[in-house]
Amino acid sequence: MENESEQRNNRLTPEKQTQLKKQLDDLIQVKRKEVADYIRDAEKAGVREGAEYEDALSEQALIEKQIKELENLLEKAEE
């Protein structure tokens, strides 16, 4: 159970919630798709190694981490 201080820290202004929701939507709808398309195209071309491919995999992991963090933050703010 959260204490009162932790509950206050989870509160976001409506403007901040809107900003974070837009950021989350961009990550899900645009960034995630771009990286997934790049990785899929590289794999179709038989490229499964190299700096660019590894960078794309790292970028994909970072995007997924950011998505999860924003989802958690927004979920806690709405409690």
PDB file of N, CA and C in Angstrom:
ATOM      1  N   MET A   1       0.846  -1.184   0.000  1.00  0.00           N
ATOM      2  CA  MET A   1       0.000   0.000   0.000  1.00  0.00           C
ATOM      3  C   MET A   1       0.884   1.238   0.000  1.00  0.00           C
ATOM      4  N   GLU A   2       0.533   2.211  -0.852  1.00  0.00           N
ATOM      5  CA  GLU A   2       1.331   3.417  -0.963  1.00  0.00           C
ATOM      6  C   GLU A   2       0.989   4.376   0.161  1.00  0.00           C
ATOM      7  N   ASN A   3       2.009   5.129   0.597  1.00  0.00           N
ATOM      8  CA  ASN A   3       1.719   6.148   1.585  1.00  0.00           C
ATOM      9  C   ASN A   3       1.288   7.429   0.875  1.00  0.00           C
ATOM     10  N   GLU A   4       0.879   8.424   1.652  1.00  0.00           N
ATOM     11  CA  GLU A   4       0.339   9.660   1.076  1.00  0.00           C
ATOM     12  C   GLU A   4       1.355  10.380   0.195  1.00  0.00           C
ATOM     13  N   SER A   5       2.608  10.380   0.594  1.00  0.00           N
ATOM     14  CA  SER A   5       3.660  11.031  -0.195  1.00  0.00           C
ATOM     15  C   SER A   5       3.819  10.371  -1.558  1.00  0.00           C
ATOM     16  N   GLU A   6       3.804   9.042  -1.607  1.00  0.00           N
ATOM     17  CA  GLU A   6       3.925   8.329  -2.878  1.00  0.00           C
ATOM     18  C   GLU A   6       2.722   8.596  -3.765  1.00  0.00           C
ATOM     19  N   GLN A   7       1.540   8.708  -3.172  1.00  0.00           N
ATOM     20  CA  GLN A   7       0.345   8.993  -3.959  1.00  0.00           C
ATOM     21  C   GLN A   7       0.434  10.377  -4.588  1.00  0.00           C
ATOM     22  N   ARG A   8       0.940  11.359  -3.835  1.00  0.00           N
ATOM     23  CA  ARG A   8       1.101  12.708  -4.394  1.00  0.00           C
ATOM     24  C   ARG A   8       2.091  12.703  -5.540  1.00  0.00           C
ATOM     25  N   ASN A   9       3.153  11.914  -5.429  1.00  0.00           N
ATOM     26  CA  ASN A   9       4.163  11.859  -6.476  1.00  0.00           C
ATOM     27  C   ASN A   9       3.629  11.235  -7.759  1.00  0.00           C
ATOM     28  N   ASN A  10       2.565  10.460  -7.667  1.00  0.00           N
ATOM     29  CA  ASN A  10       1.986   9.819  -8.846  1.00  0.00           C
ATOM     30  C   ASN A  10       1.019  10.731  -9.587  1.00  0.00           C
ATOM     31  N   ARG A  11       0.655  11.849  -9.000  1.00  0.00           N
ATOM     32  CA  ARG A  11      -0.297  12.749  -9.631  1.00  0.00           C
ATOM     33  C   ARG A  11       0.384  13.544 -10.733  1.00  0.00           C
ATOM     34  N   LEU A  12      -0.318  13.665 -11.840  1.00  0.00           N
ATOM     35  CA  LEU A  12       0.167  14.449 -12.968  1.00  0.00           C
ATOM     36  C   LEU A  12      -0.893  15.478 -13.318  1.00  0.00           C
ATOM     37  N   THR A  13      -0.443  16.623 -13.800  1.00  0.00           N
ATOM     38  CA  THR A  13      -1.410  17.602 -14.272  1.00  0.00           C
ATOM     39  C   THR A  13      -2.089  17.051 -15.520  1.00  0.00           C
ATOM     40  N   PRO A  14      -3.275  17.535 -15.821  1.00  0.00           N
ATOM     41  CA  PRO A  14      -3.934  17.084 -17.059  1.00  0.00           C
ATOM     42  C   PRO A  14      -3.072  17.351 -18.297  1.00  0.00           C
ATOM     43  N   GLU A  15      -2.368  18.473 -18.295  1.00  0.00           N
ATOM     44  CA  GLU A  15      -1.506  18.806 -19.428  1.00  0.00           C
ATOM     45  C   GLU A  15      -0.366  17.801 -19.566  1.00  0.00           C
ATOM     46  N   LYS A  16       0.220  17.438 -18.433  1.00  0.00           N
ATOM     47  CA  LYS A  16       1.321  16.468 -18.456  1.00  0.00           C
ATOM     48  C   LYS A  16       0.810  15.098 -18.887  1.00  0.00           C
ATOM     49  N   GLN A  17      -0.361  14.715 -18.420  1.00  0.00           N
ATOM     50  CA  GLN A  17      -0.939  13.437 -18.843  1.00  0.00           C
ATOM     51  C   GLN A  17      -1.166  13.426 -20.351  1.00  0.00           C
ATOM     52  N   THR A  18      -1.682  14.522 -20.881  1.00  0.00           N
ATOM     53  CA  THR A  18      -1.904  14.624 -22.327  1.00  0.00           C
ATOM     54  C   THR A  18      -0.591  14.513 -23.078  1.00  0.00           C
ATOM     55  N   GLN A  19       0.429  15.208 -22.587  1.00  0.00           N
ATOM     56  CA  GLN A  19       1.752  15.166 -23.224  1.00  0.00           C
ATOM     57  C   GLN A  19       2.311  13.742 -23.211  1.00  0.00           C
ATOM     58  N   LEU A  20       2.219  13.067 -22.088  1.00  0.00           N
ATOM     59  CA  LEU A  20       2.743  11.708 -21.976  1.00  0.00           C
ATOM     60  C   LEU A  20       1.949  10.727 -22.835  1.00  0.00           C
ATOM     61  N   LYS A  21       0.636  10.924 -22.922  1.00  0.00           N
ATOM     62  CA  LYS A  21      -0.184  10.056 -23.770  1.00  0.00           C
ATOM     63  C   LYS A  21       0.182  10.232 -25.242  1.00  0.00           C
ATOM     64  N   LYS A  22       0.466  11.472 -25.654  1.00  0.00           N
ATOM     65  CA  LYS A  22       0.889  11.718 -27.037  1.00  0.00           C
ATOM     66  C   LYS A  22       2.241  11.070 -27.306  1.00  0.00           C
ATOM     67  N   GLN A  23       3.137  11.191 -26.339  1.00  0.00           N
ATOM     68  CA  GLN A  23       4.459  10.571 -26.470  1.00  0.00           C
ATOM     69  C   GLN A  23       4.317   9.048 -26.569  1.00  0.00           C
ATOM     70  N   LEU A  24       3.474   8.477 -25.735  1.00  0.00           N
ATOM     71  CA  LEU A  24       3.234   7.034 -25.762  1.00  0.00           C
ATOM     72  C   LEU A  24       2.644   6.610 -27.105  1.00  0.00           C
ATOM     73  N   ASP A  25       1.672   7.363 -27.584  1.00  0.00           N
ATOM     74  CA  ASP A  25       1.053   7.050 -28.871  1.00  0.00           C
ATOM     75  C   ASP A  25       2.082   7.101 -29.999  1.00  0.00           C
ATOM     76  N   ASP A  26       2.965   8.094 -29.978  1.00  0.00           N
ATOM     77  CA  ASP A  26       4.010   8.199 -31.005  1.00  0.00           C
ATOM     78  C   ASP A  26       4.955   7.001 -30.942  1.00  0.00           C
ATOM     79  N   LEU A  27       5.328   6.607 -29.739  1.00  0.00           N
ATOM     80  CA  LEU A  27       6.212   5.448 -29.598  1.00  0.00           C
ATOM     81  C   LEU A  27       5.555   4.180 -30.135  1.00  0.00           C
ATOM     82  N   ILE A  28       4.277   4.000 -29.836  1.00  0.00           N
ATOM     83  CA  ILE A  28       3.572   2.785 -30.248  1.00  0.00           C
ATOM     84  C   ILE A  28       3.246   2.803 -31.737  1.00  0.00           C
ATOM     85  N   GLN A  29       2.679   3.901 -32.206  1.00  0.00           N
ATOM     86  CA  GLN A  29       2.178   3.956 -33.577  1.00  0.00           C
ATOM     87  C   GLN A  29       3.250   4.247 -34.623  1.00  0.00           C
ATOM     88  N   VAL A  30       4.290   4.996 -34.255  1.00  0.00           N
ATOM     89  CA  VAL A  30       5.284   5.418 -35.242  1.00  0.00           C
ATOM     90  C   VAL A  30       6.628   4.728 -35.022  1.00  0.00           C
ATOM     91  N   LYS A  31       7.246   5.002 -33.892  1.00  0.00           N
ATOM     92  CA  LYS A  31       8.613   4.521 -33.652  1.00  0.00           C
ATOM     93  C   LYS A  31       8.694   2.997 -33.639  1.00  0.00           C
ATOM     94  N   ARG A  32       7.784   2.360 -32.907  1.00  0.00           N
ATOM     95  CA  ARG A  32       7.793   0.896 -32.820  1.00  0.00           C
ATOM     96  C   ARG A  32       7.654   0.285 -34.212  1.00  0.00           C
ATOM     97  N   LYS A  33       6.753   0.834 -35.011  1.00  0.00           N
ATOM     98  CA  LYS A  33       6.514   0.316 -36.358  1.00  0.00           C
ATOM     99  C   LYS A  33       7.731   0.535 -37.260  1.00  0.00           C
ATOM    100  N   GLU A  34       8.342   1.714 -37.187  1.00  0.00           N
ATOM    101  CA  GLU A  34       9.517   1.998 -38.019  1.00  0.00           C
ATOM    102  C   GLU A  34      10.645   1.006 -37.751  1.00  0.00           C
ATOM    103  N   VAL A  35      10.939   0.796 -36.483  1.00  0.00           N
ATOM    104  CA  VAL A  35      12.036  -0.106 -36.128  1.00  0.00           C
ATOM    105  C   VAL A  35      11.682  -1.548 -36.486  1.00  0.00           C
ATOM    106  N   ALA A  36      10.451  -1.946 -36.222  1.00  0.00           N
ATOM    107  CA  ALA A  36      10.029  -3.310 -36.559  1.00  0.00           C
ATOM    108  C   ALA A  36      10.101  -3.540 -38.069  1.00  0.00           C
ATOM    109  N   ASP A  37       9.681  -2.545 -38.852  1.00  0.00           N
ATOM    110  CA  ASP A  37       9.760  -2.656 -40.315  1.00  0.00           C
ATOM    111  C   ASP A  37      11.207  -2.785 -40.770  1.00  0.00           C
ATOM    112  N   TYR A  38      12.093  -1.979 -40.183  1.00  0.00           N
ATOM    113  CA  TYR A  38      13.507  -2.033 -40.549  1.00  0.00           C
ATOM    114  C   TYR A  38      14.086  -3.420 -40.245  1.00  0.00           C
ATOM    115  N   ILE A  39      13.802  -3.921 -39.064  1.00  0.00           N
ATOM    116  CA  ILE A  39      14.322  -5.234 -38.664  1.00  0.00           C
ATOM    117  C   ILE A  39      13.755  -6.326 -39.568  1.00  0.00           C
ATOM    118  N   ARG A  40      12.463  -6.272 -39.834  1.00  0.00           N
ATOM    119  CA  ARG A  40      11.835  -7.272 -40.700  1.00  0.00           C
ATOM    120  C   ARG A  40      12.450  -7.241 -42.108  1.00  0.00           C
ATOM    121  N   ASP A  41      12.642  -6.043 -42.660  1.00  0.00           N
ATOM    122  CA  ASP A  41      13.234  -5.918 -43.998  1.00  0.00           C
ATOM    123  C   ASP A  41      14.667  -6.439 -44.021  1.00  0.00           C
ATOM    124  N   ALA A  42      15.415  -6.142 -42.972  1.00  0.00           N
ATOM    125  CA  ALA A  42      16.797  -6.621 -42.897  1.00  0.00           C
ATOM    126  C   ALA A  42      16.827  -8.147 -42.822  1.00  0.00           C
ATOM    127  N   GLU A  43      15.937  -8.718 -42.040  1.00  0.00           N
ATOM    128  CA  GLU A  43      15.886 -10.178 -41.916  1.00  0.00           C
ATOM    129  C   GLU A  43      15.460 -10.834 -43.227  1.00  0.00           C
ATOM    130  N   LYS A  44      14.523 -10.212 -43.933  1.00  0.00           N
ATOM    131  CA  LYS A  44      14.110 -10.739 -45.241  1.00  0.00           C
ATOM    132  C   LYS A  44      15.276 -10.722 -46.226  1.00  0.00           C
ATOM    133  N   ALA A  45      16.138  -9.716 -46.091  1.00  0.00           N
ATOM    134  CA  ALA A  45      17.297  -9.593 -46.974  1.00  0.00           C
ATOM    135  C   ALA A  45      18.451 -10.478 -46.510  1.00  0.00           C
ATOM    136  N   GLY A  46      18.247 -11.198 -45.412  1.00  0.00           N
ATOM    137  CA  GLY A  46      19.277 -12.104 -44.916  1.00  0.00           C
ATOM    138  C   GLY A  46      20.307 -11.446 -44.020  1.00  0.00           C
ATOM    139  N   VAL A  47      20.040 -10.201 -43.626  1.00  0.00           N
ATOM    140  CA  VAL A  47      20.973  -9.483 -42.756  1.00  0.00           C
ATOM    141  C   VAL A  47      20.537  -9.689 -41.312  1.00  0.00           C
ATOM    142  N   ARG A  48      21.325 -10.431 -40.567  1.00  0.00           N
ATOM    143  CA  ARG A  48      21.018 -10.672 -39.149  1.00  0.00           C
ATOM    144  C   ARG A  48      22.220 -10.353 -38.271  1.00  0.00           C
ATOM    145  N   GLU A  49      23.096  -9.546 -38.804  1.00  0.00           N
ATOM    146  CA  GLU A  49      24.258  -9.113 -38.031  1.00  0.00           C
ATOM    147  C   GLU A  49      24.721  -7.785 -38.592  1.00  0.00           C
ATOM    148  N   GLY A  50      25.684  -7.208 -37.959  1.00  0.00           N
ATOM    149  CA  GLY A  50      26.198  -5.918 -38.390  1.00  0.00           C
ATOM    150  C   GLY A  50      25.746  -4.820 -37.451  1.00  0.00           C
ATOM    151  N   ALA A  51      26.472  -3.712 -37.498  1.00  0.00           N
ATOM    152  CA  ALA A  51      26.239  -2.612 -36.566  1.00  0.00           C
ATOM    153  C   ALA A  51      24.839  -2.020 -36.707  1.00  0.00           C
ATOM    154  N   GLU A  52      24.383  -1.795 -37.932  1.00  0.00           N
ATOM    155  CA  GLU A  52      23.064  -1.186 -38.123  1.00  0.00           C
ATOM    156  C   GLU A  52      21.948  -2.096 -37.606  1.00  0.00           C
ATOM    157  N   TYR A  53      22.070  -3.376 -37.857  1.00  0.00           N
ATOM    158  CA  TYR A  53      21.066  -4.336 -37.390  1.00  0.00           C
ATOM    159  C   TYR A  53      21.068  -4.389 -35.862  1.00  0.00           C
ATOM    160  N   GLU A  54      22.255  -4.447 -35.268  1.00  0.00           N
ATOM    161  CA  GLU A  54      22.362  -4.470 -33.800  1.00  0.00           C
ATOM    162  C   GLU A  54      21.819  -3.179 -33.199  1.00  0.00           C
ATOM    163  N   ASP A  55      22.096  -2.043 -33.856  1.00  0.00           N
ATOM    164  CA  ASP A  55      21.562  -0.765 -33.383  1.00  0.00           C
ATOM    165  C   ASP A  55      20.034  -0.764 -33.420  1.00  0.00           C
ATOM    166  N   ALA A  56      19.469  -1.347 -34.472  1.00  0.00           N
ATOM    167  CA  ALA A  56      18.011  -1.416 -34.591  1.00  0.00           C
ATOM    168  C   ALA A  56      17.419  -2.278 -33.480  1.00  0.00           C
ATOM    169  N   LEU A  57      18.064  -3.383 -33.166  1.00  0.00           N
ATOM    170  CA  LEU A  57      17.587  -4.233 -32.066  1.00  0.00           C
ATOM    171  C   LEU A  57      17.670  -3.500 -30.730  1.00  0.00           C
ATOM    172  N   SER A  58      18.751  -2.752 -30.531  1.00  0.00           N
ATOM    173  CA  SER A  58      18.899  -1.965 -29.304  1.00  0.00           C
ATOM    174  C   SER A  58      17.835  -0.874 -29.235  1.00  0.00           C
ATOM    175  N   GLU A  59      17.589  -0.228 -30.367  1.00  0.00           N
ATOM    176  CA  GLU A  59      16.561   0.809 -30.432  1.00  0.00           C
ATOM    177  C   GLU A  59      15.185   0.219 -30.127  1.00  0.00           C
ATOM    178  N   GLN A  60      14.923  -0.965 -30.638  1.00  0.00           N
ATOM    179  CA  GLN A  60      13.651  -1.636 -30.382  1.00  0.00           C
ATOM    180  C   GLN A  60      13.490  -1.909 -28.882  1.00  0.00           C
ATOM    181  N   ALA A  61      14.533  -2.383 -28.244  1.00  0.00           N
ATOM    182  CA  ALA A  61      14.480  -2.659 -26.805  1.00  0.00           C
ATOM    183  C   ALA A  61      14.249  -1.370 -26.019  1.00  0.00           C
ATOM    184  N   LEU A  62      14.907  -0.290 -26.427  1.00  0.00           N
ATOM    185  CA  LEU A  62      14.742   0.997 -25.754  1.00  0.00           C
ATOM    186  C   LEU A  62      13.308   1.506 -25.906  1.00  0.00           C
ATOM    187  N   ILE A  63      12.760   1.400 -27.097  1.00  0.00           N
ATOM    188  CA  ILE A  63      11.387   1.838 -27.339  1.00  0.00           C
ATOM    189  C   ILE A  63      10.415   1.040 -26.477  1.00  0.00           C
ATOM    190  N   GLU A  64      10.599  -0.265 -26.408  1.00  0.00           N
ATOM    191  CA  GLU A  64       9.713  -1.101 -25.590  1.00  0.00           C
ATOM    192  C   GLU A  64       9.821  -0.729 -24.112  1.00  0.00           C
ATOM    193  N   LYS A  65      11.022  -0.418 -23.665  1.00  0.00           N
ATOM    194  CA  LYS A  65      11.221   0.002 -22.271  1.00  0.00           C
ATOM    195  C   LYS A  65      10.501   1.327 -22.012  1.00  0.00           C
ATOM    196  N   GLN A  66      10.641   2.272 -22.934  1.00  0.00           N
ATOM    197  CA  GLN A  66       9.980   3.567 -22.777  1.00  0.00           C
ATOM    198  C   GLN A  66       8.461   3.415 -22.774  1.00  0.00           C
ATOM    199  N   ILE A  67       7.951   2.561 -23.641  1.00  0.00           N
ATOM    200  CA  ILE A  67       6.506   2.317 -23.690  1.00  0.00           C
ATOM    201  C   ILE A  67       6.022   1.777 -22.350  1.00  0.00           C
ATOM    202  N   LYS A  68       6.712   0.792 -21.819  1.00  0.00           N
ATOM    203  CA  LYS A  68       6.323   0.190 -20.539  1.00  0.00           C
ATOM    204  C   LYS A  68       6.377   1.225 -19.408  1.00  0.00           C
ATOM    205  N   GLU A  69       7.433   2.038 -19.390  1.00  0.00           N
ATOM    206  CA  GLU A  69       7.567   3.053 -18.347  1.00  0.00           C
ATOM    207  C   GLU A  69       6.430   4.076 -18.415  1.00  0.00           C
ATOM    208  N   LEU A  70       6.103   4.529 -19.620  1.00  0.00           N
ATOM    209  CA  LEU A  70       5.016   5.496 -19.769  1.00  0.00           C
ATOM    210  C   LEU A  70       3.674   4.879 -19.401  1.00  0.00           C
ATOM    211  N   GLU A  71       3.448   3.646 -19.814  1.00  0.00           N
ATOM    212  CA  GLU A  71       2.199   2.965 -19.454  1.00  0.00           C
ATOM    213  C   GLU A  71       2.071   2.850 -17.942  1.00  0.00           C
ATOM    214  N   ASN A  72       3.141   2.479 -17.271  1.00  0.00           N
ATOM    215  CA  ASN A  72       3.117   2.353 -15.809  1.00  0.00           C
ATOM    216  C   ASN A  72       2.888   3.701 -15.142  1.00  0.00           C
ATOM    217  N   LEU A  73       3.568   4.729 -15.628  1.00  0.00           N
ATOM    218  CA  LEU A  73       3.431   6.067 -15.060  1.00  0.00           C
ATOM    219  C   LEU A  73       1.995   6.573 -15.210  1.00  0.00           C
ATOM    220  N   LEU A  74       1.442   6.415 -16.394  1.00  0.00           N
ATOM    221  CA  LEU A  74       0.072   6.871 -16.630  1.00  0.00           C
ATOM    222  C   LEU A  74      -0.937   6.048 -15.831  1.00  0.00           C
ATOM    223  N   GLU A  75      -0.700   4.765 -15.714  1.00  0.00           N
ATOM    224  CA  GLU A  75      -1.596   3.911 -14.932  1.00  0.00           C
ATOM    225  C   GLU A  75      -1.602   4.335 -13.465  1.00  0.00           C
ATOM    226  N   LYS A  76      -0.431   4.593 -12.913  1.00  0.00           N
ATOM    227  CA  LYS A  76      -0.350   5.013 -11.509  1.00  0.00           C
ATOM    228  C   LYS A  76      -0.973   6.387 -11.305  1.00  0.00           C
ATOM    229  N   ALA A  77      -0.822   7.261 -12.281  1.00  0.00           N
ATOM    230  CA  ALA A  77      -1.372   8.611 -12.165  1.00  0.00           C
ATOM    231  C   ALA A  77      -2.894   8.598 -12.179  1.00  0.00           C
ATOM    232  N   GLU A  78      -3.476   7.591 -12.804  1.00  0.00           N
ATOM    233  CA  GLU A  78      -4.930   7.507 -12.904  1.00  0.00           C
ATOM    234  C   GLU A  78      -5.560   6.792 -11.717  1.00  0.00           C
ATOM    235  N   GLU A  79      -4.754   6.238 -10.834  1.00  0.00           N
ATOM    236  CA  GLU A  79      -5.286   5.522  -9.658  1.00  0.00           C
ATOM    237  C   GLU A  79      -5.867   6.488  -8.651  1.00  0.00           C
TER     238      GLU A  79
END
